[in-house]
């Protein structure tokens, strides 16, 4: 393992003098939310990603640039034959336990890491091995794609297929099963999942209306393995109207029944 990391470091240094391609991408947006009965608010967001590529080595850095320049991610990855080595070099600032949107919690400590992944094709299947000891077998047979991950105490299987105009996905994670079914009826794309959530999308690309209903959510406490908790939340529905402009910007309006708020947003991606 140490020799492999050293080889990865050598590759990274060598690529520094011959970085062949650098690409910039990002997005910017401004949103106005009337917040229903509460005070209205205006928010701004701008993000940029810098990607440098030299041969089989790629360096990617994400930055939040709306108020000041702040690094959000730094990754260096390279491919050596069937091996992929990836280094997460950004240590998130979480000196205290943080609770983020959706109830997810992150632990304090050094979050930098190096992962080594092996992908080897065997017949119609691909076998992968990572540095945590997890083994993944994946492949497509008769139009059905199956991925099975063998991991300590909690194997995970994901299957997907398109049958009679329906896109079906089934996931079994350590004995807990989730499913989703999507289909298109009279130009309307409808998706239903095991959480009783329903989404319907009308219109064409660049001019859409999306109606989403989210069922009531029960409270869930944090566990050692998942490290997240969620509070109880009543069912709610959102209606989002989005339109692409010839200028390259996108205008959208979203109404949320959970707090009777209307959000207007203008965004552009580059």
Protein backbone atom coordinates (compact mmCIF):
# COMPACT_ATOMS: atom_id res chain seq x y z
CA UNK A 1 0.00 0.00 0.00
CA UNK A 2 2.82 2.44 0.89
CA UNK A 3 4.61 1.71 -2.39
CA UNK A 4 1.38 2.31 -4.30
CA UNK A 5 0.83 5.66 -2.57
CA UNK A 6 4.44 6.62 -3.30
CA UNK A 7 3.93 5.75 -6.96
CA UNK A 8 0.79 7.89 -6.97
CA UNK A 9 2.71 10.81 -5.45
CA UNK A 10 5.45 10.47 -8.06
CA UNK A 11 2.87 10.49 -10.84
CA UNK A 12 1.28 13.61 -9.37
CA UNK A 13 4.62 15.46 -9.23
CA UNK A 14 5.51 14.46 -12.78
CA UNK A 15 2.18 15.69 -14.09
CA UNK A 16 2.71 19.11 -12.50
CA UNK A 17 5.19 20.15 -15.17
CA UNK A 18 3.03 19.01 -18.07
CA UNK A 19 -0.56 19.77 -17.20
CA UNK A 20 -2.11 19.36 -20.63
CA UNK A 21 -5.63 20.75 -20.21
CA UNK A 22 -7.33 23.06 -17.75
CA UNK A 23 -11.11 23.52 -17.75
CA UNK A 24 -13.25 25.99 -15.82
CA UNK A 25 -16.92 25.41 -15.02
CA UNK A 26 -19.36 26.78 -12.52
CA UNK A 27 -22.71 28.37 -11.79
CA UNK A 28 -24.19 31.51 -10.26
CA UNK A 29 -27.68 32.29 -9.01
CA UNK A 30 -29.75 34.77 -7.05
CA UNK A 31 -32.99 33.79 -5.29
CA UNK A 32 -35.80 35.78 -3.72
CA UNK A 33 -38.05 33.92 -1.26
CA UNK A 34 -41.11 35.60 0.19
CA UNK A 35 -41.07 32.93 2.98
CA UNK A 36 -44.84 32.95 3.31
CA UNK A 37 -45.83 34.68 6.54
CA UNK A 38 -42.19 35.18 7.59
CA UNK A 39 -39.81 37.92 6.48
CA UNK A 40 -38.65 37.67 2.88
CA UNK A 41 -35.01 36.90 2.06
CA UNK A 42 -32.62 37.19 -0.88
CA UNK A 43 -29.75 34.72 -1.24
CA UNK A 44 -26.78 34.58 -3.59
CA UNK A 45 -24.61 31.68 -4.66
CA UNK A 46 -21.66 31.30 -7.04
CA UNK A 47 -19.46 28.24 -7.44
CA UNK A 48 -16.53 27.41 -9.69
CA UNK A 49 -14.67 24.19 -10.48
CA UNK A 50 -11.13 24.01 -11.88
CA UNK A 51 -10.15 20.74 -13.56
CA UNK A 52 -6.64 19.98 -14.78
CA UNK A 53 -5.88 16.87 -16.79
CA UNK A 54 -2.56 15.33 -17.83
CA UNK A 55 -2.75 11.87 -19.30
CA UNK A 56 -4.53 9.59 -16.82
CA UNK A 57 -4.16 12.06 -13.93
CA UNK A 58 -6.87 14.58 -13.05
CA UNK A 59 -6.83 17.36 -10.45
CA UNK A 60 -10.17 18.91 -9.46
CA UNK A 61 -10.79 21.81 -7.09
CA UNK A 62 -14.19 23.22 -6.18
CA UNK A 63 -14.62 26.75 -4.80
CA UNK A 64 -17.42 28.84 -3.35
CA UNK A 65 -16.87 32.34 -4.77
CA UNK A 66 -20.03 34.36 -4.03
CA UNK A 67 -18.74 36.36 -1.03
CA UNK A 68 -15.08 35.35 -0.92
CA UNK A 69 -13.04 32.51 -2.40
CA UNK A 70 -13.37 29.41 -0.25
CA UNK A 71 -12.22 25.91 -1.21
CA UNK A 72 -14.98 23.29 -0.99
CA UNK A 73 -13.18 20.24 -2.44
CA UNK A 74 -9.76 19.15 -3.70
CA UNK A 75 -9.22 15.80 -5.41
CA UNK A 76 -6.28 14.25 -7.24
CA UNK A 77 -6.92 10.99 -9.10
CA UNK A 78 -4.93 8.78 -11.45
CA UNK A 79 -5.36 5.46 -13.22
CA UNK A 80 -2.63 2.82 -13.26
CA UNK A 81 -3.81 -0.11 -15.35
CA UNK A 82 -6.88 -1.58 -13.60
CA UNK A 83 -6.13 0.50 -10.47
CA UNK A 84 -7.64 3.90 -9.70
CA UNK A 85 -6.01 5.93 -6.93
CA UNK A 86 -7.87 8.97 -5.64
CA UNK A 87 -6.76 11.41 -2.93
CA UNK A 88 -9.27 13.66 -1.18
CA UNK A 89 -6.96 16.46 -0.03
CA UNK A 90 -9.56 18.84 1.41
CA UNK A 91 -10.22 18.73 5.16
CA UNK A 92 -13.73 20.05 5.78
CA UNK A 93 -14.00 22.60 8.58
CA UNK A 94 -16.07 20.63 11.07
CA UNK A 95 -14.25 21.13 14.37
CA UNK A 96 -17.64 20.72 16.02
CA UNK A 97 -20.40 18.32 15.04
CA UNK A 98 -22.49 19.99 12.32
CA UNK A 99 -26.06 19.26 11.31
CA UNK A 100 -26.70 20.01 7.64
CA UNK A 101 -29.83 20.09 5.49
CA UNK A 102 -31.82 16.89 5.86
CA UNK A 103 -30.39 16.15 9.30
CA UNK A 104 -27.08 14.67 8.15
CA UNK A 105 -24.29 15.00 10.70
CA UNK A 106 -20.56 15.06 10.09
CA UNK A 107 -17.97 14.11 12.67
CA UNK A 108 -15.06 16.36 13.60
CA UNK A 109 -11.59 15.25 12.60
CA UNK A 110 -9.36 15.02 9.56
CA UNK A 111 -11.50 14.08 6.56
CA UNK A 112 -8.66 13.71 4.06
CA UNK A 113 -8.22 10.23 2.63
CA UNK A 114 -6.75 8.08 -0.15
CA UNK A 115 -8.79 5.38 -1.85
CA UNK A 116 -7.49 2.60 -4.08
CA UNK A 117 -9.96 0.85 -6.37
CA UNK A 118 -9.47 -2.19 -8.58
CA UNK A 119 -11.83 -2.88 -11.50
CA UNK A 120 -11.35 -6.12 -13.41
CA UNK A 121 -13.71 -7.37 -16.16
CA UNK A 122 -14.61 -11.06 -15.97
CA UNK A 123 -16.93 -12.17 -18.76
CA UNK A 124 -20.03 -9.95 -18.72
CA UNK A 125 -19.34 -8.77 -15.15
CA UNK A 126 -16.91 -6.35 -13.55
CA UNK A 127 -15.39 -7.02 -10.14
CA UNK A 128 -14.19 -4.06 -8.07
CA UNK A 129 -12.20 -3.95 -4.84
CA UNK A 130 -11.55 -0.87 -2.73
CA UNK A 131 -9.23 -0.13 0.19
CA UNK A 132 -12.04 -0.73 2.73
CA UNK A 133 -12.18 -4.36 1.62
CA UNK A 134 -15.56 -3.96 -0.11
CA UNK A 135 -16.03 -6.13 -3.20
CA UNK A 136 -18.47 -5.00 -5.91
CA UNK A 137 -19.76 -7.20 -8.72
CA UNK A 138 -21.74 -5.47 -11.47
CA UNK A 139 -23.03 -6.26 -14.94
CA UNK A 140 -25.98 -6.20 -17.31
CA UNK A 141 -27.80 -9.35 -18.36
CA UNK A 142 -30.90 -9.48 -20.60
CA UNK A 143 -31.47 -5.75 -20.09
CA UNK A 144 -31.25 -5.95 -16.29
CA UNK A 145 -28.36 -4.16 -14.56
CA UNK A 146 -27.33 -5.56 -11.19
CA UNK A 147 -24.68 -4.31 -8.77
CA UNK A 148 -23.90 -6.28 -5.62
CA UNK A 149 -21.51 -4.94 -2.98
CA UNK A 150 -20.10 -7.30 -0.39
CA UNK A 151 -19.20 -5.33 2.72
CA UNK A 152 -18.79 -6.03 6.40
CA UNK A 153 -22.20 -6.72 7.97
CA UNK A 154 -24.32 -4.92 5.36
CA UNK A 155 -24.28 -6.24 1.81
CA UNK A 156 -26.03 -4.04 -0.76
CA UNK A 157 -27.72 -5.02 -4.01
CA UNK A 158 -29.07 -2.60 -6.65
CA UNK A 159 -31.04 -3.75 -9.68
CA UNK A 160 -32.53 -1.68 -12.51
CA UNK A 161 -34.41 -2.47 -15.71
CA UNK A 162 -36.70 -0.95 -18.33
CA UNK A 163 -39.79 -3.13 -18.77
CA UNK A 164 -42.84 -2.27 -20.89
CA UNK A 165 -42.05 1.44 -20.85
CA UNK A 166 -41.32 1.55 -17.11
CA UNK A 167 -37.94 2.27 -15.50
CA UNK A 168 -37.70 0.18 -12.34
CA UNK A 169 -35.03 0.36 -9.65
CA UNK A 170 -34.84 -1.89 -6.58
CA UNK A 171 -32.29 -1.50 -3.78
CA UNK A 172 -31.70 -3.82 -0.84
CA UNK A 173 -29.26 -2.38 1.70
CA UNK A 174 -28.52 -4.63 4.69
CA UNK A 175 -32.03 -6.10 4.50
CA UNK A 176 -33.89 -2.80 3.98
CA UNK A 177 -35.51 -2.49 0.54
CA UNK A 178 -36.39 0.63 -1.48
CA UNK A 179 -37.89 0.84 -4.94
CA UNK A 180 -38.86 3.40 -7.56
CA UNK A 181 -40.92 3.20 -10.77
CA UNK A 182 -40.85 5.82 -13.51
CA UNK A 183 -42.88 6.02 -16.70
CA UNK A 184 -44.13 8.55 -19.24
CA UNK A 185 -47.84 8.97 -19.95
CA UNK A 186 -49.09 11.42 -22.62
CA UNK A 187 -45.83 13.38 -22.43
CA UNK A 188 -45.84 13.53 -18.62
CA UNK A 189 -42.97 11.80 -16.78
CA UNK A 190 -44.19 10.28 -13.50
CA UNK A 191 -42.03 8.73 -10.77
CA UNK A 192 -43.26 6.87 -7.67
CA UNK A 193 -41.05 5.43 -4.94
CA UNK A 194 -41.37 3.33 -1.80
CA UNK A 195 -41.34 6.46 0.39
CA UNK A 196 -44.75 7.32 -1.15
CA UNK A 197 -43.24 10.31 -2.94
CA UNK A 198 -44.62 11.18 -6.38
CA UNK A 199 -43.09 13.48 -9.00
CA UNK A 200 -44.67 14.55 -12.29
CA UNK A 201 -42.81 16.55 -14.96
CA UNK A 202 -44.69 18.37 -17.74
CA UNK A 203 -43.43 20.30 -20.74
CA UNK A 204 -40.32 20.02 -22.86
CA UNK A 205 -36.63 20.58 -22.21
CA UNK A 206 -36.07 24.21 -21.29
CA UNK A 207 -39.69 24.88 -20.38
CA UNK A 208 -40.95 22.57 -17.64
CA UNK A 209 -43.38 22.31 -14.75
CA UNK A 210 -42.52 19.84 -11.98
CA UNK A 211 -45.03 18.86 -9.29
CA UNK A 212 -43.58 16.88 -6.39
CA UNK A 213 -45.37 15.43 -3.37
CA UNK A 214 -43.34 14.24 -0.40
CA UNK A 215 -45.04 11.99 2.14
CA UNK A 216 -44.87 12.52 5.88
CA UNK A 217 -41.46 11.73 7.35
CA UNK A 218 -41.06 10.02 10.70
CA UNK A 219 -38.32 11.07 13.09
CA UNK A 220 -35.12 9.03 13.10
CA UNK A 221 -32.28 9.10 15.59
CA UNK A 222 -28.61 9.12 14.71
CA UNK A 223 -26.72 5.83 14.80
CA UNK A 224 -23.04 4.98 14.90
CA UNK A 225 -23.10 3.66 11.34
CA UNK A 226 -25.29 6.27 9.63
CA UNK A 227 -24.32 9.36 11.67
CA UNK A 228 -27.50 11.23 10.76
CA UNK A 229 -30.82 12.05 12.36
CA UNK A 230 -34.05 13.47 10.99
CA UNK A 231 -36.91 15.27 12.65
CA UNK A 232 -40.56 14.49 11.92
CA UNK A 233 -41.94 16.44 8.98
CA UNK A 234 -45.48 16.72 7.62
CA UNK A 235 -46.27 15.87 4.01
CA UNK A 236 -45.87 18.74 1.54
CA UNK A 237 -46.03 19.54 -2.16
CA UNK A 238 -43.85 21.75 -4.35
CA UNK A 239 -44.67 23.18 -7.78
CA UNK A 240 -41.69 24.42 -9.81
CA UNK A 241 -41.85 26.26 -13.13
CA UNK A 242 -38.55 26.62 -15.02
CA UNK A 243 -37.71 28.28 -18.34
CA UNK A 244 -34.43 28.62 -20.22
CA UNK A 245 -33.80 32.02 -21.81
CA UNK A 246 -31.94 32.70 -25.05
CA UNK A 247 -29.41 34.67 -22.97
CA UNK A 248 -28.27 31.41 -21.37
CA UNK A 249 -29.89 32.08 -17.99
CA UNK A 250 -32.64 30.02 -16.38
CA UNK A 251 -35.60 31.55 -14.56
CA UNK A 252 -37.61 29.47 -12.10
CA UNK A 253 -40.45 29.92 -9.62
CA UNK A 254 -41.15 27.39 -6.87
CA UNK A 255 -44.15 27.27 -4.54
CA UNK A 256 -43.83 25.18 -1.37
CA UNK A 257 -46.94 24.21 0.58
CA UNK A 258 -44.93 23.40 3.74
CA UNK A 259 -44.59 27.13 4.53
CA UNK A 260 -46.67 28.71 1.75
CA UNK A 261 -43.57 30.33 0.27
CA UNK A 262 -42.79 31.40 -3.28
CA UNK A 263 -39.14 31.43 -4.43
CA UNK A 264 -38.00 33.22 -7.59
CA UNK A 265 -34.56 32.28 -8.89
CA UNK A 266 -32.31 33.35 -11.75
CA UNK A 267 -29.31 31.15 -12.49
CA UNK A 268 -26.60 30.71 -15.10
CA UNK A 269 -24.10 27.89 -15.61
CA UNK A 270 -20.79 28.06 -17.47
